[in-house]
mmCIF file of all heavy atoms, coordinates in Angstrom:
data_MODEL
# 
_entry.id   MODEL 
# 
loop_
_atom_site.group_PDB 
_atom_site.id 
_atom_site.type_symbol 
_atom_site.label_atom_id 
_atom_site.label_alt_id 
_atom_site.label_comp_id 
_atom_site.label_asym_id 
_atom_site.label_entity_id 
_atom_site.label_seq_id 
_atom_site.pdbx_PDB_ins_code 
_atom_site.Cartn_x 
_atom_site.Cartn_y 
_atom_site.Cartn_z 
_atom_site.occupancy 
_atom_site.B_iso_or_equiv 
_atom_site.pdbx_formal_charge 
_atom_site.auth_seq_id 
_atom_site.auth_comp_id 
_atom_site.auth_asym_id 
_atom_site.auth_atom_id 
_atom_site.pdbx_PDB_model_num 
ATOM 1   N N   . ALA A 1 1  ? 100.485 81.075 82.942  1.00 0.00 ? 1  ALA A N   1 
ATOM 2   C CA  . ALA A 1 1  ? 100.851 82.243 83.751  1.00 0.00 ? 1  ALA A CA  1 
ATOM 3   C C   . ALA A 1 1  ? 99.804  82.479 84.832  1.00 0.00 ? 1  ALA A C   1 
ATOM 4   O O   . ALA A 1 1  ? 100.148 82.842 85.965  1.00 0.00 ? 1  ALA A O   1 
ATOM 5   C CB  . ALA A 1 1  ? 100.993 83.481 82.868  1.00 0.00 ? 1  ALA A CB  1 
ATOM 6   N N   . GLU A 1 2  ? 98.542  82.267 84.503  1.00 0.00 ? 2  GLU A N   1 
ATOM 7   C CA  . GLU A 1 2  ? 97.486  82.456 85.498  1.00 0.00 ? 2  GLU A CA  1 
ATOM 8   C C   . GLU A 1 2  ? 97.619  81.447 86.631  1.00 0.00 ? 2  GLU A C   1 
ATOM 9   O O   . GLU A 1 2  ? 97.443  81.790 87.811  1.00 0.00 ? 2  GLU A O   1 
ATOM 10  C CB  . GLU A 1 2  ? 96.106  82.337 84.851  1.00 0.00 ? 2  GLU A CB  1 
ATOM 11  C CG  . GLU A 1 2  ? 94.984  82.596 85.833  1.00 0.00 ? 2  GLU A CG  1 
ATOM 12  C CD  . GLU A 1 2  ? 93.601  82.503 85.204  1.00 0.00 ? 2  GLU A CD  1 
ATOM 13  O OE1 . GLU A 1 2  ? 93.474  82.740 83.985  1.00 0.00 ? 2  GLU A OE1 1 
ATOM 14  O OE2 . GLU A 1 2  ? 92.644  82.202 85.943  1.00 0.00 ? 2  GLU A OE2 1 
ATOM 15  N N   . VAL A 1 3  ? 97.923  80.196 86.288  1.00 0.00 ? 3  VAL A N   1 
ATOM 16  C CA  . VAL A 1 3  ? 98.140  79.188 87.331  1.00 0.00 ? 3  VAL A CA  1 
ATOM 17  C C   . VAL A 1 3  ? 99.252  79.634 88.274  1.00 0.00 ? 3  VAL A C   1 
ATOM 18  O O   . VAL A 1 3  ? 99.127  79.565 89.501  1.00 0.00 ? 3  VAL A O   1 
ATOM 19  C CB  . VAL A 1 3  ? 98.489  77.818 86.704  1.00 0.00 ? 3  VAL A CB  1 
ATOM 20  C CG1 . VAL A 1 3  ? 98.910  76.821 87.784  1.00 0.00 ? 3  VAL A CG1 1 
ATOM 21  C CG2 . VAL A 1 3  ? 97.304  77.270 85.927  1.00 0.00 ? 3  VAL A CG2 1 
ATOM 22  N N   . LEU A 1 4  ? 100.331 80.135 87.699  1.00 0.00 ? 4  LEU A N   1 
ATOM 23  C CA  . LEU A 1 4  ? 101.459 80.592 88.520  1.00 0.00 ? 4  LEU A CA  1 
ATOM 24  C C   . LEU A 1 4  ? 101.095 81.807 89.367  1.00 0.00 ? 4  LEU A C   1 
ATOM 25  O O   . LEU A 1 4  ? 101.598 81.956 90.487  1.00 0.00 ? 4  LEU A O   1 
ATOM 26  C CB  . LEU A 1 4  ? 102.662 80.915 87.630  1.00 0.00 ? 4  LEU A CB  1 
ATOM 27  C CG  . LEU A 1 4  ? 103.361 79.717 86.986  1.00 0.00 ? 4  LEU A CG  1 
ATOM 28  C CD1 . LEU A 1 4  ? 104.460 80.181 86.044  1.00 0.00 ? 4  LEU A CD1 1 
ATOM 29  C CD2 . LEU A 1 4  ? 103.935 78.782 88.051  1.00 0.00 ? 4  LEU A CD2 1 
ATOM 30  N N   . VAL A 1 5  ? 100.219 82.673 88.848  1.00 0.00 ? 5  VAL A N   1 
ATOM 31  C CA  . VAL A 1 5  ? 99.771  83.835 89.634  1.00 0.00 ? 5  VAL A CA  1 
ATOM 32  C C   . VAL A 1 5  ? 99.181  83.365 90.952  1.00 0.00 ? 5  VAL A C   1 
ATOM 33  O O   . VAL A 1 5  ? 99.565  83.837 92.040  1.00 0.00 ? 5  VAL A O   1 
ATOM 34  C CB  . VAL A 1 5  ? 98.741  84.673 88.859  1.00 0.00 ? 5  VAL A CB  1 
ATOM 35  C CG1 . VAL A 1 5  ? 98.035  85.655 89.807  1.00 0.00 ? 5  VAL A CG1 1 
ATOM 36  C CG2 . VAL A 1 5  ? 99.399  85.448 87.737  1.00 0.00 ? 5  VAL A CG2 1 
ATOM 37  N N   . TRP A 1 6  ? 98.225  82.418 90.883  1.00 0.00 ? 6  TRP A N   1 
ATOM 38  C CA  . TRP A 1 6  ? 97.535  81.987 92.110  1.00 0.00 ? 6  TRP A CA  1 
ATOM 39  C C   . TRP A 1 6  ? 98.471  81.221 93.028  1.00 0.00 ? 6  TRP A C   1 
ATOM 40  O O   . TRP A 1 6  ? 98.423  81.393 94.246  1.00 0.00 ? 6  TRP A O   1 
ATOM 41  C CB  . TRP A 1 6  ? 96.305  81.156 91.771  1.00 0.00 ? 6  TRP A CB  1 
ATOM 42  C CG  . TRP A 1 6  ? 95.410  81.792 90.766  1.00 0.00 ? 6  TRP A CG  1 
ATOM 43  C CD1 . TRP A 1 6  ? 94.897  81.238 89.633  1.00 0.00 ? 6  TRP A CD1 1 
ATOM 44  C CD2 . TRP A 1 6  ? 94.903  83.140 90.783  1.00 0.00 ? 6  TRP A CD2 1 
ATOM 45  N NE1 . TRP A 1 6  ? 94.122  82.134 88.946  1.00 0.00 ? 6  TRP A NE1 1 
ATOM 46  C CE2 . TRP A 1 6  ? 94.108  83.310 89.626  1.00 0.00 ? 6  TRP A CE2 1 
ATOM 47  C CE3 . TRP A 1 6  ? 95.057  84.222 91.656  1.00 0.00 ? 6  TRP A CE3 1 
ATOM 48  C CZ2 . TRP A 1 6  ? 93.472  84.512 89.323  1.00 0.00 ? 6  TRP A CZ2 1 
ATOM 49  C CZ3 . TRP A 1 6  ? 94.426  85.419 91.350  1.00 0.00 ? 6  TRP A CZ3 1 
ATOM 50  C CH2 . TRP A 1 6  ? 93.645  85.554 90.214  1.00 0.00 ? 6  TRP A CH2 1 
ATOM 51  N N   . ARG A 1 7  ? 99.328  80.388 92.456  1.00 0.00 ? 7  ARG A N   1 
ATOM 52  C CA  . ARG A 1 7  ? 100.275 79.654 93.300  1.00 0.00 ? 7  ARG A CA  1 
ATOM 53  C C   . ARG A 1 7  ? 101.231 80.621 94.009  1.00 0.00 ? 7  ARG A C   1 
ATOM 54  O O   . ARG A 1 7  ? 101.515 80.487 95.197  1.00 0.00 ? 7  ARG A O   1 
ATOM 55  C CB  . ARG A 1 7  ? 101.089 78.674 92.440  1.00 0.00 ? 7  ARG A CB  1 
ATOM 56  C CG  . ARG A 1 7  ? 100.274 77.611 91.726  1.00 0.00 ? 7  ARG A CG  1 
ATOM 57  C CD  . ARG A 1 7  ? 99.647  76.640 92.709  1.00 0.00 ? 7  ARG A CD  1 
ATOM 58  N NE  . ARG A 1 7  ? 98.860  75.638 92.020  1.00 0.00 ? 7  ARG A NE  1 
ATOM 59  C CZ  . ARG A 1 7  ? 97.544  75.673 91.867  1.00 0.00 ? 7  ARG A CZ  1 
ATOM 60  N NH1 . ARG A 1 7  ? 96.855  76.707 92.370  1.00 0.00 ? 7  ARG A NH1 1 
ATOM 61  N NH2 . ARG A 1 7  ? 96.894  74.706 91.246  1.00 0.00 ? 7  ARG A NH2 1 
ATOM 62  N N   . LEU A 1 8  ? 101.709 81.605 93.266  1.00 0.00 ? 8  LEU A N   1 
ATOM 63  C CA  . LEU A 1 8  ? 102.679 82.547 93.815  1.00 0.00 ? 8  LEU A CA  1 
ATOM 64  C C   . LEU A 1 8  ? 102.032 83.468 94.841  1.00 0.00 ? 8  LEU A C   1 
ATOM 65  O O   . LEU A 1 8  ? 102.620 83.769 95.893  1.00 0.00 ? 8  LEU A O   1 
ATOM 66  C CB  . LEU A 1 8  ? 103.307 83.355 92.682  1.00 0.00 ? 8  LEU A CB  1 
ATOM 67  C CG  . LEU A 1 8  ? 104.494 84.252 93.030  1.00 0.00 ? 8  LEU A CG  1 
ATOM 68  C CD1 . LEU A 1 8  ? 105.599 83.456 93.706  1.00 0.00 ? 8  LEU A CD1 1 
ATOM 69  C CD2 . LEU A 1 8  ? 105.020 84.919 91.765  1.00 0.00 ? 8  LEU A CD2 1 
ATOM 70  N N   . ARG A 1 9  ? 100.830 83.937 94.564  1.00 0.00 ? 9  ARG A N   1 
ATOM 71  C CA  . ARG A 1 9  ? 100.130 84.810 95.517  1.00 0.00 ? 9  ARG A CA  1 
ATOM 72  C C   . ARG A 1 9  ? 99.888  84.076 96.832  1.00 0.00 ? 9  ARG A C   1 
ATOM 73  O O   . ARG A 1 9  ? 100.043 84.647 97.917  1.00 0.00 ? 9  ARG A O   1 
ATOM 74  C CB  . ARG A 1 9  ? 98.801  85.274 94.912  1.00 0.00 ? 9  ARG A CB  1 
ATOM 75  C CG  . ARG A 1 9  ? 98.940  86.215 93.739  1.00 0.00 ? 9  ARG A CG  1 
ATOM 76  C CD  . ARG A 1 9  ? 99.212  87.627 94.172  1.00 0.00 ? 9  ARG A CD  1 
ATOM 77  N NE  . ARG A 1 9  ? 98.023  88.248 94.744  1.00 0.00 ? 9  ARG A NE  1 
ATOM 78  C CZ  . ARG A 1 9  ? 98.020  89.410 95.364  1.00 0.00 ? 9  ARG A CZ  1 
ATOM 79  N NH1 . ARG A 1 9  ? 99.140  90.077 95.520  1.00 0.00 ? 9  ARG A NH1 1 
ATOM 80  N NH2 . ARG A 1 9  ? 96.899  89.922 95.838  1.00 0.00 ? 9  ARG A NH2 1 
ATOM 81  N N   . THR A 1 10 ? 99.495  82.818 96.739  1.00 0.00 ? 10 THR A N   1 
ATOM 82  C CA  . THR A 1 10 ? 99.264  82.026 97.944  1.00 0.00 ? 10 THR A CA  1 
ATOM 83  C C   . THR A 1 10 ? 100.560 81.837 98.726  1.00 0.00 ? 10 THR A C   1 
ATOM 84  O O   . THR A 1 10 ? 100.593 81.999 99.951  1.00 0.00 ? 10 THR A O   1 
ATOM 85  C CB  . THR A 1 10 ? 98.669  80.653 97.571  1.00 0.00 ? 10 THR A CB  1 
ATOM 86  O OG1 . THR A 1 10 ? 97.403  80.846 96.927  1.00 0.00 ? 10 THR A OG1 1 
ATOM 87  C CG2 . THR A 1 10 ? 98.468  79.782 98.795  1.00 0.00 ? 10 THR A CG2 1 
ATOM 88  N N   . ALA A 1 11 ? 101.651 81.499 98.008  1.00 0.00 ? 11 ALA A N   1 
ATOM 89  C CA  . ALA A 1 11 ? 102.937 81.286 98.676  1.00 0.00 ? 11 ALA A CA  1 
ATOM 90  C C   . ALA A 1 11 ? 103.441 82.572 99.327  1.00 0.00 ? 11 ALA A C   1 
ATOM 91  O O   . ALA A 1 11 ? 103.967 82.556 100.455 1.00 0.00 ? 11 ALA A O   1 
ATOM 92  C CB  . ALA A 1 11 ? 103.961 80.763 97.666  1.00 0.00 ? 11 ALA A CB  1 
ATOM 93  N N   . THR A 1 12 ? 103.282 83.705 98.645  1.00 0.00 ? 12 THR A N   1 
ATOM 94  C CA  . THR A 1 12 ? 103.734 84.982 99.194  1.00 0.00 ? 12 THR A CA  1 
ATOM 95  C C   . THR A 1 12 ? 102.909 85.367 100.421 1.00 0.00 ? 12 THR A C   1 
ATOM 96  O O   . THR A 1 12 ? 103.457 85.835 101.426 1.00 0.00 ? 12 THR A O   1 
ATOM 97  C CB  . THR A 1 12 ? 103.643 86.089 98.129  1.00 0.00 ? 12 THR A CB  1 
ATOM 98  O OG1 . THR A 1 12 ? 104.446 85.726 97.010  1.00 0.00 ? 12 THR A OG1 1 
ATOM 99  C CG2 . THR A 1 12 ? 104.128 87.427 98.672  1.00 0.00 ? 12 THR A CG2 1 
ATOM 100 N N   . ALA A 1 13 ? 101.600 85.179 100.337 1.00 0.00 ? 13 ALA A N   1 
ATOM 101 C CA  . ALA A 1 13 ? 100.742 85.498 101.481 1.00 0.00 ? 13 ALA A CA  1 
ATOM 102 C C   . ALA A 1 13 ? 101.101 84.643 102.690 1.00 0.00 ? 13 ALA A C   1 
ATOM 103 O O   . ALA A 1 13 ? 101.118 85.127 103.831 1.00 0.00 ? 13 ALA A O   1 
ATOM 104 C CB  . ALA A 1 13 ? 99.274  85.287 101.108 1.00 0.00 ? 13 ALA A CB  1 
ATOM 105 N N   . GLU A 1 14 ? 101.417 83.369 102.458 1.00 0.00 ? 14 GLU A N   1 
ATOM 106 C CA  . GLU A 1 14 ? 101.807 82.493 103.560 1.00 0.00 ? 14 GLU A CA  1 
ATOM 107 C C   . GLU A 1 14 ? 103.129 82.953 104.168 1.00 0.00 ? 14 GLU A C   1 
ATOM 108 O O   . GLU A 1 14 ? 103.295 82.952 105.393 1.00 0.00 ? 14 GLU A O   1 
ATOM 109 C CB  . GLU A 1 14 ? 101.936 81.051 103.054 1.00 0.00 ? 14 GLU A CB  1 
ATOM 110 C CG  . GLU A 1 14 ? 102.179 80.026 104.148 1.00 0.00 ? 14 GLU A CG  1 
ATOM 111 C CD  . GLU A 1 14 ? 101.034 79.967 105.152 1.00 0.00 ? 14 GLU A CD  1 
ATOM 112 O OE1 . GLU A 1 14 ? 99.866  80.171 104.763 1.00 0.00 ? 14 GLU A OE1 1 
ATOM 113 O OE2 . GLU A 1 14 ? 101.324 79.732 106.341 1.00 0.00 ? 14 GLU A OE2 1 
ATOM 114 N N   . ARG A 1 15 ? 104.038 83.383 103.328 1.00 0.00 ? 15 ARG A N   1 
ATOM 115 C CA  . ARG A 1 15 ? 105.333 83.886 103.811 1.00 0.00 ? 15 ARG A CA  1 
ATOM 116 C C   . ARG A 1 15 ? 105.139 85.137 104.665 1.00 0.00 ? 15 ARG A C   1 
ATOM 117 O O   . ARG A 1 15 ? 105.706 85.261 105.754 1.00 0.00 ? 15 ARG A O   1 
ATOM 118 C CB  . ARG A 1 15 ? 106.228 84.189 102.605 1.00 0.00 ? 15 ARG A CB  1 
ATOM 119 C CG  . ARG A 1 15 ? 107.649 84.599 102.932 1.00 0.00 ? 15 ARG A CG  1 
ATOM 120 C CD  . ARG A 1 15 ? 108.403 84.967 101.660 1.00 0.00 ? 15 ARG A CD  1 
ATOM 121 N NE  . ARG A 1 15 ? 109.795 85.260 101.924 1.00 0.00 ? 15 ARG A NE  1 
ATOM 122 C CZ  . ARG A 1 15 ? 110.770 84.374 101.864 1.00 0.00 ? 15 ARG A CZ  1 
ATOM 123 N NH1 . ARG A 1 15 ? 110.489 83.115 101.546 1.00 0.00 ? 15 ARG A NH1 1 
ATOM 124 N NH2 . ARG A 1 15 ? 112.022 84.716 102.120 1.00 0.00 ? 15 ARG A NH2 1 
ATOM 125 N N   . VAL A 1 16 ? 104.336 86.080 104.178 1.00 0.00 ? 16 VAL A N   1 
ATOM 126 C CA  . VAL A 1 16 ? 104.069 87.321 104.921 1.00 0.00 ? 16 VAL A CA  1 
ATOM 127 C C   . VAL A 1 16 ? 103.347 87.015 106.221 1.00 0.00 ? 16 VAL A C   1 
ATOM 128 O O   . VAL A 1 16 ? 103.636 87.602 107.275 1.00 0.00 ? 16 VAL A O   1 
ATOM 129 C CB  . VAL A 1 16 ? 103.250 88.295 104.047 1.00 0.00 ? 16 VAL A CB  1 
ATOM 130 C CG1 . VAL A 1 16 ? 102.778 89.493 104.865 1.00 0.00 ? 16 VAL A CG1 1 
ATOM 131 C CG2 . VAL A 1 16 ? 104.073 88.762 102.857 1.00 0.00 ? 16 VAL A CG2 1 
ATOM 132 N N   . SER A 1 17 ? 102.393 86.078 106.171 1.00 0.00 ? 17 SER A N   1 
ATOM 133 C CA  . SER A 1 17 ? 101.631 85.717 107.365 1.00 0.00 ? 17 SER A CA  1 
ATOM 134 C C   . SER A 1 17 ? 102.531 85.126 108.443 1.00 0.00 ? 17 SER A C   1 
ATOM 135 O O   . SER A 1 17 ? 102.417 85.461 109.624 1.00 0.00 ? 17 SER A O   1 
ATOM 136 C CB  . SER A 1 17 ? 100.535 84.714 106.985 1.00 0.00 ? 17 SER A CB  1 
ATOM 137 O OG  . SER A 1 17 ? 99.866  84.255 108.130 1.00 0.00 ? 17 SER A OG  1 
ATOM 138 N N   . GLN A 1 18 ? 103.441 84.259 108.043 1.00 0.00 ? 18 GLN A N   1 
ATOM 139 C CA  . GLN A 1 18 ? 104.364 83.663 109.014 1.00 0.00 ? 18 GLN A CA  1 
ATOM 140 C C   . GLN A 1 18 ? 105.241 84.730 109.672 1.00 0.00 ? 18 GLN A C   1 
ATOM 141 O O   . GLN A 1 18 ? 105.484 84.692 110.884 1.00 0.00 ? 18 GLN A O   1 
ATOM 142 C CB  . GLN A 1 18 ? 105.230 82.615 108.325 1.00 0.00 ? 18 GLN A CB  1 
ATOM 143 C CG  . GLN A 1 18 ? 104.481 81.342 107.960 1.00 0.00 ? 18 GLN A CG  1 
ATOM 144 C CD  . GLN A 1 18 ? 105.339 80.373 107.162 1.00 0.00 ? 18 GLN A CD  1 
ATOM 145 O OE1 . GLN A 1 18 ? 106.450 80.688 106.752 1.00 0.00 ? 18 GLN A OE1 1 
ATOM 146 N NE2 . GLN A 1 18 ? 104.807 79.183 106.938 1.00 0.00 ? 18 GLN A NE2 1 
ATOM 147 N N   . ARG A 1 19 ? 105.703 85.686 108.868 1.00 0.00 ? 19 ARG A N   1 
ATOM 148 C CA  . ARG A 1 19 ? 106.518 86.766 109.427 1.00 0.00 ? 19 ARG A CA  1 
ATOM 149 C C   . ARG A 1 19 ? 105.699 87.627 110.384 1.00 0.00 ? 19 ARG A C   1 
ATOM 150 O O   . ARG A 1 19 ? 106.201 88.064 111.434 1.00 0.00 ? 19 ARG A O   1 
ATOM 151 C CB  . ARG A 1 19 ? 107.091 87.616 108.297 1.00 0.00 ? 19 ARG A CB  1 
ATOM 152 C CG  . ARG A 1 19 ? 108.223 86.910 107.560 1.00 0.00 ? 19 ARG A CG  1 
ATOM 153 C CD  . ARG A 1 19 ? 108.522 87.496 106.208 1.00 0.00 ? 19 ARG A CD  1 
ATOM 154 N NE  . ARG A 1 19 ? 109.011 88.856 106.270 1.00 0.00 ? 19 ARG A NE  1 
ATOM 155 C CZ  . ARG A 1 19 ? 109.342 89.558 105.193 1.00 0.00 ? 19 ARG A CZ  1 
ATOM 156 N NH1 . ARG A 1 19 ? 109.212 89.031 103.995 1.00 0.00 ? 19 ARG A NH1 1 
ATOM 157 N NH2 . ARG A 1 19 ? 109.791 90.785 105.307 1.00 0.00 ? 19 ARG A NH2 1 
ATOM 158 N N   . ALA A 1 20 ? 104.442 87.881 110.042 1.00 0.00 ? 20 ALA A N   1 
ATOM 159 C CA  . ALA A 1 20 ? 103.582 88.687 110.918 1.00 0.00 ? 20 ALA A CA  1 
ATOM 160 C C   . ALA A 1 20 ? 103.325 87.970 112.243 1.00 0.00 ? 20 ALA A C   1 
ATOM 161 O O   . ALA A 1 20 ? 103.349 88.589 113.312 1.00 0.00 ? 20 ALA A O   1 
ATOM 162 C CB  . ALA A 1 20 ? 102.263 88.987 110.214 1.00 0.00 ? 20 ALA A CB  1 
ATOM 163 N N   . ARG A 1 21 ? 103.100 86.657 112.173 1.00 0.00 ? 21 ARG A N   1 
ATOM 164 C CA  . ARG A 1 21 ? 102.877 85.899 113.409 1.00 0.00 ? 21 ARG A CA  1 
ATOM 165 C C   . ARG A 1 21 ? 104.122 85.903 114.289 1.00 0.00 ? 21 ARG A C   1 
ATOM 166 O O   . ARG A 1 21 ? 104.032 86.037 115.505 1.00 0.00 ? 21 ARG A O   1 
ATOM 167 C CB  . ARG A 1 21 ? 102.459 84.461 113.071 1.00 0.00 ? 21 ARG A CB  1 
ATOM 168 C CG  . ARG A 1 21 ? 101.052 84.330 112.520 1.00 0.00 ? 21 ARG A CG  1 
ATOM 169 C CD  . ARG A 1 21 ? 100.566 82.883 112.566 1.00 0.00 ? 21 ARG A CD  1 
ATOM 170 N NE  . ARG A 1 21 ? 101.380 82.013 111.735 1.00 0.00 ? 21 ARG A NE  1 
ATOM 171 C CZ  . ARG A 1 21 ? 101.125 81.741 110.470 1.00 0.00 ? 21 ARG A CZ  1 
ATOM 172 N NH1 . ARG A 1 21 ? 100.084 82.297 109.867 1.00 0.00 ? 21 ARG A NH1 1 
ATOM 173 N NH2 . ARG A 1 21 ? 101.894 80.912 109.793 1.00 0.00 ? 21 ARG A NH2 1 
ATOM 174 N N   . SER A 1 22 ? 105.275 85.767 113.651 1.00 0.00 ? 22 SER A N   1 
ATOM 175 C CA  . SER A 1 22 ? 106.524 85.792 114.419 1.00 0.00 ? 22 SER A CA  1 
ATOM 176 C C   . SER A 1 22 ? 106.732 87.159 115.066 1.00 0.00 ? 22 SER A C   1 
ATOM 177 O O   . SER A 1 22 ? 107.135 87.255 116.237 1.00 0.00 ? 22 SER A O   1 
ATOM 178 C CB  . SER A 1 22 ? 107.711 85.463 113.506 1.00 0.00 ? 22 SER A CB  1 
ATOM 179 O OG  . SER A 1 22 ? 107.588 84.159 112.990 1.00 0.00 ? 22 SER A OG  1 
ATOM 180 N N   . ALA A 1 23 ? 106.469 88.231 114.305 1.00 0.00 ? 23 ALA A N   1 
ATOM 181 C CA  . ALA A 1 23 ? 106.644 89.582 114.839 1.00 0.00 ? 23 ALA A CA  1 
ATOM 182 C C   . ALA A 1 23 ? 105.671 89.840 115.986 1.00 0.00 ? 23 ALA A C   1 
ATOM 183 O O   . ALA A 1 23 ? 106.039 90.441 117.002 1.00 0.00 ? 23 ALA A O   1 
ATOM 184 C CB  . ALA A 1 23 ? 106.434 90.614 113.730 1.00 0.00 ? 23 ALA A CB  1 
ATOM 185 N N   . ALA A 1 24 ? 104.421 89.389 115.831 1.00 0.00 ? 24 ALA A N   1 
ATOM 186 C CA  . ALA A 1 24 ? 103.425 89.583 116.889 1.00 0.00 ? 24 ALA A CA  1 
ATOM 187 C C   . ALA A 1 24 ? 103.819 88.826 118.146 1.00 0.00 ? 24 ALA A C   1 
ATOM 188 O O   . ALA A 1 24 ? 103.663 89.316 119.267 1.00 0.00 ? 24 ALA A O   1 
ATOM 189 C CB  . ALA A 1 24 ? 102.051 89.127 116.396 1.00 0.00 ? 24 ALA A CB  1 
ATOM 190 N N   . SER A 1 25 ? 104.363 87.628 117.966 1.00 0.00 ? 25 SER A N   1 
ATOM 191 C CA  . SER A 1 25 ? 104.795 86.836 119.115 1.00 0.00 ? 25 SER A CA  1 
ATOM 192 C C   . SER A 1 25 ? 105.956 87.512 119.833 1.00 0.00 ? 25 SER A C   1 
ATOM 193 O O   . SER A 1 25 ? 105.995 87.571 121.064 1.00 0.00 ? 25 SER A O   1 
ATOM 194 C CB  . SER A 1 25 ? 105.202 85.440 118.634 1.00 0.00 ? 25 SER A CB  1 
ATOM 195 O OG  . SER A 1 25 ? 105.685 84.671 119.707 1.00 0.00 ? 25 SER A OG  1 
ATOM 196 N N   . ARG A 1 26 ? 106.900 88.060 119.052 1.00 0.00 ? 26 ARG A N   1 
ATOM 197 C CA  . ARG A 1 26 ? 108.052 88.746 119.679 1.00 0.00 ? 26 ARG A CA  1 
ATOM 198 C C   . ARG A 1 26 ? 107.612 90.002 120.424 1.00 0.00 ? 26 ARG A C   1 
ATOM 199 O O   . ARG A 1 26 ? 108.110 90.309 121.498 1.00 0.00 ? 26 ARG A O   1 
ATOM 200 C CB  . ARG A 1 26 ? 109.084 89.105 118.614 1.00 0.00 ? 26 ARG A CB  1 
ATOM 201 C CG  . ARG A 1 26 ? 109.884 87.923 118.091 1.00 0.00 ? 26 ARG A CG  1 
ATOM 202 C CD  . ARG A 1 26 ? 111.110 88.393 117.314 1.00 0.00 ? 26 ARG A CD  1 
ATOM 203 N NE  . ARG A 1 26 ? 110.738 89.231 116.183 1.00 0.00 ? 26 ARG A NE  1 
ATOM 204 C CZ  . ARG A 1 26 ? 110.470 88.770 114.971 1.00 0.00 ? 26 ARG A CZ  1 
ATOM 205 N NH1 . ARG A 1 26 ? 110.508 87.473 114.742 1.00 0.00 ? 26 ARG A NH1 1 
ATOM 206 N NH2 . ARG A 1 26 ? 110.165 89.594 113.980 1.00 0.00 ? 26 ARG A NH2 1 
ATOM 207 N N   . SER A 1 27 ? 106.663 90.754 119.843 1.00 0.00 ? 27 SER A N   1 
ATOM 208 C CA  . SER A 1 27 ? 106.228 91.997 120.480 1.00 0.00 ? 27 SER A CA  1 
ATOM 209 C C   . SER A 1 27 ? 105.457 91.733 121.759 1.00 0.00 ? 27 SER A C   1 
ATOM 210 O O   . SER A 1 27 ? 105.402 92.578 122.650 1.00 0.00 ? 27 SER A O   1 
ATOM 211 C CB  . SER A 1 27 ? 105.362 92.805 119.518 1.00 0.00 ? 27 SER A CB  1 
ATOM 212 O OG  . SER A 1 27 ? 104.142 92.137 119.257 1.00 0.00 ? 27 SER A OG  1 
# 
């Protein structure tokens, strides 16, 4: 479960980061 925590947190952060970059580019 701990392994999955770090993998999932990293994947979620990357997803949020990509959306933020896209939003910043559009604005």
